[in-house]
Amino acid sequence: MIQRFVKKIIKVGNSAAVILPASFVKEGNLKIGDEVIVETMARYQTAMIKPKTDSYKNSITPEFKEWLDRFTKKYDRLLKKLARTP
């Protein structure tokens, strides 16, 4: 389920921060001090926050995901045909 929260970017020292709602932290099984992965796509002005796990190094980048989506769309018929080939 996607939830939307309106938050302000605040200044913290020389950095910027966004305060996460307590409900997001609780429902995400996060706690203060946990490390999280923040994936951003400035082009689309989006950010994704997820817990850091041992498998985080194996995740794909947003750029690769975009390329894969374009490739799959472009070669959809060929890929389906290849999948049926014994």
C-alpha atoms as a PDB file:
ATOM      1  CA  MET A   1       0.000   0.000   0.000  1.00  0.00           C
ATOM      2  CA  ILE A   2       1.409   3.372  -0.977  1.00  0.00           C
ATOM      3  CA  GLN A   3       1.111   6.080   1.625  1.00  0.00           C
ATOM      4  CA  ARG A   4       1.751   9.750   0.979  1.00  0.00           C
ATOM      5  CA  PHE A   5       3.016  12.204   3.537  1.00  0.00           C
ATOM      6  CA  VAL A   6       3.551  15.924   3.065  1.00  0.00           C
ATOM      7  CA  LYS A   7       6.798  16.873   4.801  1.00  0.00           C
ATOM      8  CA  LYS A   8       9.148  19.856   4.694  1.00  0.00           C
ATOM      9  CA  ILE A   9      12.831  19.612   3.970  1.00  0.00           C
ATOM     10  CA  ILE A  10      14.629  20.968   7.027  1.00  0.00           C
ATOM     11  CA  LYS A  11      18.205  22.118   7.533  1.00  0.00           C
ATOM     12  CA  VAL A  12      20.376  19.967   9.792  1.00  0.00           C
ATOM     13  CA  GLY A  13      23.855  21.439   9.982  1.00  0.00           C
ATOM     14  CA  ASN A  14      25.079  21.719   6.401  1.00  0.00           C
ATOM     15  CA  SER A  15      22.686  19.013   5.235  1.00  0.00           C
ATOM     16  CA  ALA A  16      18.988  18.668   4.511  1.00  0.00           C
ATOM     17  CA  ALA A  17      16.627  16.182   6.136  1.00  0.00           C
ATOM     18  CA  VAL A  18      13.054  14.956   6.002  1.00  0.00           C
ATOM     19  CA  ILE A  19      11.422  13.666   9.180  1.00  0.00           C
ATOM     20  CA  LEU A  20       9.833  10.247   8.714  1.00  0.00           C
ATOM     21  CA  PRO A  21       6.405   9.668  10.247  1.00  0.00           C
ATOM     22  CA  ALA A  22       6.342   7.343  13.263  1.00  0.00           C
ATOM     23  CA  SER A  23       3.827   5.127  11.431  1.00  0.00           C
ATOM     24  CA  PHE A  24       6.309   4.588   8.566  1.00  0.00           C
ATOM     25  CA  VAL A  25       9.067   3.660  11.000  1.00  0.00           C
ATOM     26  CA  LYS A  26       6.797   1.300  12.941  1.00  0.00           C
ATOM     27  CA  GLU A  27       5.168  -0.393   9.933  1.00  0.00           C
ATOM     28  CA  GLY A  28       8.571  -0.755   8.260  1.00  0.00           C
ATOM     29  CA  ASN A  29       9.948  -2.498  11.359  1.00  0.00           C
ATOM     30  CA  LEU A  30      12.588   0.220  11.642  1.00  0.00           C
ATOM     31  CA  LYS A  31      14.027   1.817  14.741  1.00  0.00           C
ATOM     32  CA  ILE A  32      16.100   4.869  15.545  1.00  0.00           C
ATOM     33  CA  GLY A  33      19.703   4.200  14.568  1.00  0.00           C
ATOM     34  CA  ASP A  34      18.912   1.682  11.808  1.00  0.00           C
ATOM     35  CA  GLU A  35      20.724   2.178   8.526  1.00  0.00           C
ATOM     36  CA  VAL A  36      18.555   2.586   5.442  1.00  0.00           C
ATOM     37  CA  ILE A  37      19.214   2.659   1.723  1.00  0.00           C
ATOM     38  CA  VAL A  38      18.013   5.813  -0.010  1.00  0.00           C
ATOM     39  CA  GLU A  39      17.649   5.419  -3.777  1.00  0.00           C
ATOM     40  CA  THR A  40      17.005   8.613  -5.678  1.00  0.00           C
ATOM     41  CA  MET A  41      16.076   9.543  -9.223  1.00  0.00           C
ATOM     42  CA  ALA A  42      16.580  13.288  -9.508  1.00  0.00           C
ATOM     43  CA  ARG A  43      15.235  13.196 -13.047  1.00  0.00           C
ATOM     44  CA  TYR A  44      11.832  12.187 -11.652  1.00  0.00           C
ATOM     45  CA  GLN A  45      12.248  13.919  -8.294  1.00  0.00           C
ATOM     46  CA  THR A  46      11.688  10.649  -6.433  1.00  0.00           C
ATOM     47  CA  ALA A  47      13.338   8.867  -3.544  1.00  0.00           C
ATOM     48  CA  MET A  48      12.845   5.409  -2.070  1.00  0.00           C
ATOM     49  CA  ILE A  49      13.827   4.505   1.476  1.00  0.00           C
ATOM     50  CA  LYS A  50      14.267   0.867   2.456  1.00  0.00           C
ATOM     51  CA  PRO A  51      16.025  -1.043   5.230  1.00  0.00           C
ATOM     52  CA  LYS A  52      19.667  -1.903   4.683  1.00  0.00           C
ATOM     53  CA  THR A  53      20.065  -5.660   4.453  1.00  0.00           C
ATOM     54  CA  ASP A  54      22.951  -7.957   3.601  1.00  0.00           C
ATOM     55  CA  SER A  55      21.462  -8.350   0.134  1.00  0.00           C
ATOM     56  CA  TYR A  56      21.318  -4.602  -0.593  1.00  0.00           C
ATOM     57  CA  LYS A  57      24.509  -4.829  -2.664  1.00  0.00           C
ATOM     58  CA  ASN A  58      22.715  -7.173  -5.049  1.00  0.00           C
ATOM     59  CA  SER A  59      19.893  -4.772  -5.852  1.00  0.00           C
ATOM     60  CA  ILE A  60      19.719  -3.194  -9.274  1.00  0.00           C
ATOM     61  CA  THR A  61      20.121   0.514  -9.886  1.00  0.00           C
ATOM     62  CA  PRO A  62      17.189   2.641 -11.016  1.00  0.00           C
ATOM     63  CA  GLU A  63      19.049   3.340 -14.285  1.00  0.00           C
ATOM     64  CA  PHE A  64      19.426  -0.372 -14.999  1.00  0.00           C
ATOM     65  CA  LYS A  65      15.743  -0.911 -14.183  1.00  0.00           C
ATOM     66  CA  GLU A  66      14.808   1.836 -16.665  1.00  0.00           C
ATOM     67  CA  TRP A  67      17.017   0.263 -19.345  1.00  0.00           C
ATOM     68  CA  LEU A  68      15.586  -3.195 -18.650  1.00  0.00           C
ATOM     69  CA  ASP A  69      12.028  -1.880 -18.925  1.00  0.00           C
ATOM     70  CA  ARG A  70      12.799  -0.211 -22.282  1.00  0.00           C
ATOM     71  CA  PHE A  71      14.593  -3.324 -23.581  1.00  0.00           C
ATOM     72  CA  THR A  72      11.770  -5.626 -22.498  1.00  0.00           C
ATOM     73  CA  LYS A  73       9.154  -3.398 -24.115  1.00  0.00           C
ATOM     74  CA  LYS A  74      11.139  -3.092 -27.348  1.00  0.00           C
ATOM     75  CA  TYR A  75      11.863  -6.821 -27.686  1.00  0.00           C
ATOM     76  CA  ASP A  76       8.730  -8.199 -26.018  1.00  0.00           C
ATOM     77  CA  ARG A  77       7.644 -10.391 -28.961  1.00  0.00           C
ATOM     78  CA  LEU A  78      11.141 -11.766 -29.537  1.00  0.00           C
ATOM     79  CA  LEU A  79      11.645 -12.550 -25.840  1.00  0.00           C
ATOM     80  CA  LYS A  80       8.318 -14.380 -25.697  1.00  0.00           C
ATOM     81  CA  LYS A  81       9.260 -16.347 -28.803  1.00  0.00           C
ATOM     82  CA  LEU A  82      12.646 -17.269 -27.343  1.00  0.00           C
ATOM     83  CA  ALA A  83      11.001 -18.346 -24.088  1.00  0.00           C
ATOM     84  CA  ARG A  84       8.894 -20.884 -26.024  1.00  0.00           C
ATOM     85  CA  THR A  85      11.881 -22.292 -27.923  1.00  0.00           C
ATOM     86  CA  PRO A  86      12.964 -25.698 -26.528  1.00  0.00           C
END
